[in-house]
Amino acid sequence: MKIICPQCGGKMQKKSVGEGGVLHLFGALLIFLFGVIVFLLIPIIGWIVGPCICLVAILAGNKSRIVYRCRSCGIIQ
């Protein structure tokens, strides 16, 4: 599927743009560390819940979105 630039009529290209800043990553790190602590301190149940919390933290720390950028004029849509 070819997407055409509304400004110049050139070809648009997919690009991944990161969102969030240092505070967002710091929050994800704290959630990850909480998951590790739960895993280590609570037997049986923590072995299941801890890795789930860590997985949620990893997914929360990876915030990016797809945008389209024109190769000719550089407009982002």
C-alpha atoms as a PDB file:
ATOM      1  CA  MET A   1       0.000   0.000   0.000  1.00  0.00           C
ATOM      2  CA  LYS A   2       1.563   3.239  -1.170  1.00  0.00           C
ATOM      3  CA  ILE A   3       0.816   6.337   0.883  1.00  0.00           C
ATOM      4  CA  ILE A   4       1.153   9.668  -0.908  1.00  0.00           C
ATOM      5  CA  CYS A   5       2.175  12.925   0.769  1.00  0.00           C
ATOM      6  CA  PRO A   6      -0.695  15.435   0.885  1.00  0.00           C
ATOM      7  CA  GLN A   7       1.706  18.371   0.572  1.00  0.00           C
ATOM      8  CA  CYS A   8       4.026  17.469  -2.310  1.00  0.00           C
ATOM      9  CA  GLY A   9       2.691  14.181  -3.702  1.00  0.00           C
ATOM     10  CA  GLY A  10       5.862  12.238  -2.811  1.00  0.00           C
ATOM     11  CA  LYS A  11       6.104   8.765  -1.329  1.00  0.00           C
ATOM     12  CA  MET A  12       5.620   8.410   2.436  1.00  0.00           C
ATOM     13  CA  GLN A  13       7.888   6.093   4.445  1.00  0.00           C
ATOM     14  CA  LYS A  14       7.067   4.297   7.732  1.00  0.00           C
ATOM     15  CA  LYS A  15       9.115   5.385  10.722  1.00  0.00           C
ATOM     16  CA  SER A  16       9.055   4.386  14.393  1.00  0.00           C
ATOM     17  CA  VAL A  17       9.163   7.267  16.864  1.00  0.00           C
ATOM     18  CA  GLY A  18       9.880   6.765  20.557  1.00  0.00           C
ATOM     19  CA  GLU A  19       7.656   8.359  23.166  1.00  0.00           C
ATOM     20  CA  GLY A  20       8.182   8.999  26.832  1.00  0.00           C
ATOM     21  CA  GLY A  21      11.233  10.271  28.551  1.00  0.00           C
ATOM     22  CA  VAL A  22      13.510   9.514  31.430  1.00  0.00           C
ATOM     23  CA  LEU A  23      10.684   9.531  33.978  1.00  0.00           C
ATOM     24  CA  HIS A  24       8.748   6.987  31.931  1.00  0.00           C
ATOM     25  CA  LEU A  25      11.751   4.647  31.775  1.00  0.00           C
ATOM     26  CA  PHE A  26      12.468   5.171  35.482  1.00  0.00           C
ATOM     27  CA  GLY A  27       8.898   4.148  36.318  1.00  0.00           C
ATOM     28  CA  ALA A  28       9.235   1.014  34.186  1.00  0.00           C
ATOM     29  CA  LEU A  29      12.510   0.194  35.957  1.00  0.00           C
ATOM     30  CA  LEU A  30      10.847   0.531  39.368  1.00  0.00           C
ATOM     31  CA  ILE A  31       8.025  -1.802  38.304  1.00  0.00           C
ATOM     32  CA  PHE A  32      10.608  -4.284  37.008  1.00  0.00           C
ATOM     33  CA  LEU A  33      12.516  -4.192  40.298  1.00  0.00           C
ATOM     34  CA  PHE A  34       9.242  -4.698  42.185  1.00  0.00           C
ATOM     35  CA  GLY A  35       8.629  -7.815  40.071  1.00  0.00           C
ATOM     36  CA  VAL A  36      12.098  -9.144  40.910  1.00  0.00           C
ATOM     37  CA  ILE A  37      11.521  -8.525  44.626  1.00  0.00           C
ATOM     38  CA  VAL A  38       8.156 -10.315  44.504  1.00  0.00           C
ATOM     39  CA  PHE A  39       9.823 -13.223  42.691  1.00  0.00           C
ATOM     40  CA  LEU A  40      12.560 -13.530  45.305  1.00  0.00           C
ATOM     41  CA  LEU A  41      10.596 -12.920  48.521  1.00  0.00           C
ATOM     42  CA  ILE A  42       7.307 -14.755  47.979  1.00  0.00           C
ATOM     43  CA  PRO A  43       7.667 -18.488  47.338  1.00  0.00           C
ATOM     44  CA  ILE A  44       5.372 -20.377  44.873  1.00  0.00           C
ATOM     45  CA  ILE A  45       2.958 -17.506  44.023  1.00  0.00           C
ATOM     46  CA  GLY A  46       5.819 -15.023  43.540  1.00  0.00           C
ATOM     47  CA  TRP A  47       7.410 -17.357  41.014  1.00  0.00           C
ATOM     48  CA  ILE A  48       4.364 -16.860  38.801  1.00  0.00           C
ATOM     49  CA  VAL A  49       3.399 -13.265  39.604  1.00  0.00           C
ATOM     50  CA  GLY A  50       6.961 -11.843  39.642  1.00  0.00           C
ATOM     51  CA  PRO A  51       7.815 -12.642  36.003  1.00  0.00           C
ATOM     52  CA  CYS A  52       4.373 -11.357  34.921  1.00  0.00           C
ATOM     53  CA  ILE A  53       5.086  -8.023  36.626  1.00  0.00           C
ATOM     54  CA  CYS A  54       8.510  -7.901  34.942  1.00  0.00           C
ATOM     55  CA  LEU A  55       6.934  -8.576  31.550  1.00  0.00           C
ATOM     56  CA  VAL A  56       4.437  -5.748  32.079  1.00  0.00           C
ATOM     57  CA  ALA A  57       7.325  -3.418  32.985  1.00  0.00           C
ATOM     58  CA  ILE A  58       9.260  -4.361  29.850  1.00  0.00           C
ATOM     59  CA  LEU A  59       6.227  -3.736  27.657  1.00  0.00           C
ATOM     60  CA  ALA A  60       5.519  -0.434  29.436  1.00  0.00           C
ATOM     61  CA  GLY A  61       9.085   0.749  28.899  1.00  0.00           C
ATOM     62  CA  ASN A  62       8.940   0.131  25.150  1.00  0.00           C
ATOM     63  CA  LYS A  63       6.637   2.916  23.989  1.00  0.00           C
ATOM     64  CA  SER A  64       6.883   3.761  20.342  1.00  0.00           C
ATOM     65  CA  ARG A  65       4.458   4.619  17.600  1.00  0.00           C
ATOM     66  CA  ILE A  66       4.482   4.387  13.834  1.00  0.00           C
ATOM     67  CA  VAL A  67       4.355   7.602  11.808  1.00  0.00           C
ATOM     68  CA  TYR A  68       4.719   8.292   8.098  1.00  0.00           C
ATOM     69  CA  ARG A  69       7.395  10.690   6.851  1.00  0.00           C
ATOM     70  CA  CYS A  70       7.660  12.058   3.334  1.00  0.00           C
ATOM     71  CA  ARG A  71      10.961  11.333   1.595  1.00  0.00           C
ATOM     72  CA  SER A  72      10.786  14.544  -0.440  1.00  0.00           C
ATOM     73  CA  CYS A  73       9.586  17.326   1.848  1.00  0.00           C
ATOM     74  CA  GLY A  74       9.996  15.683   5.284  1.00  0.00           C
ATOM     75  CA  ILE A  75       6.452  16.263   6.540  1.00  0.00           C
ATOM     76  CA  ILE A  76       5.371  13.841   9.278  1.00  0.00           C
ATOM     77  CA  GLN A  77       1.843  12.478   9.320  1.00  0.00           C
END
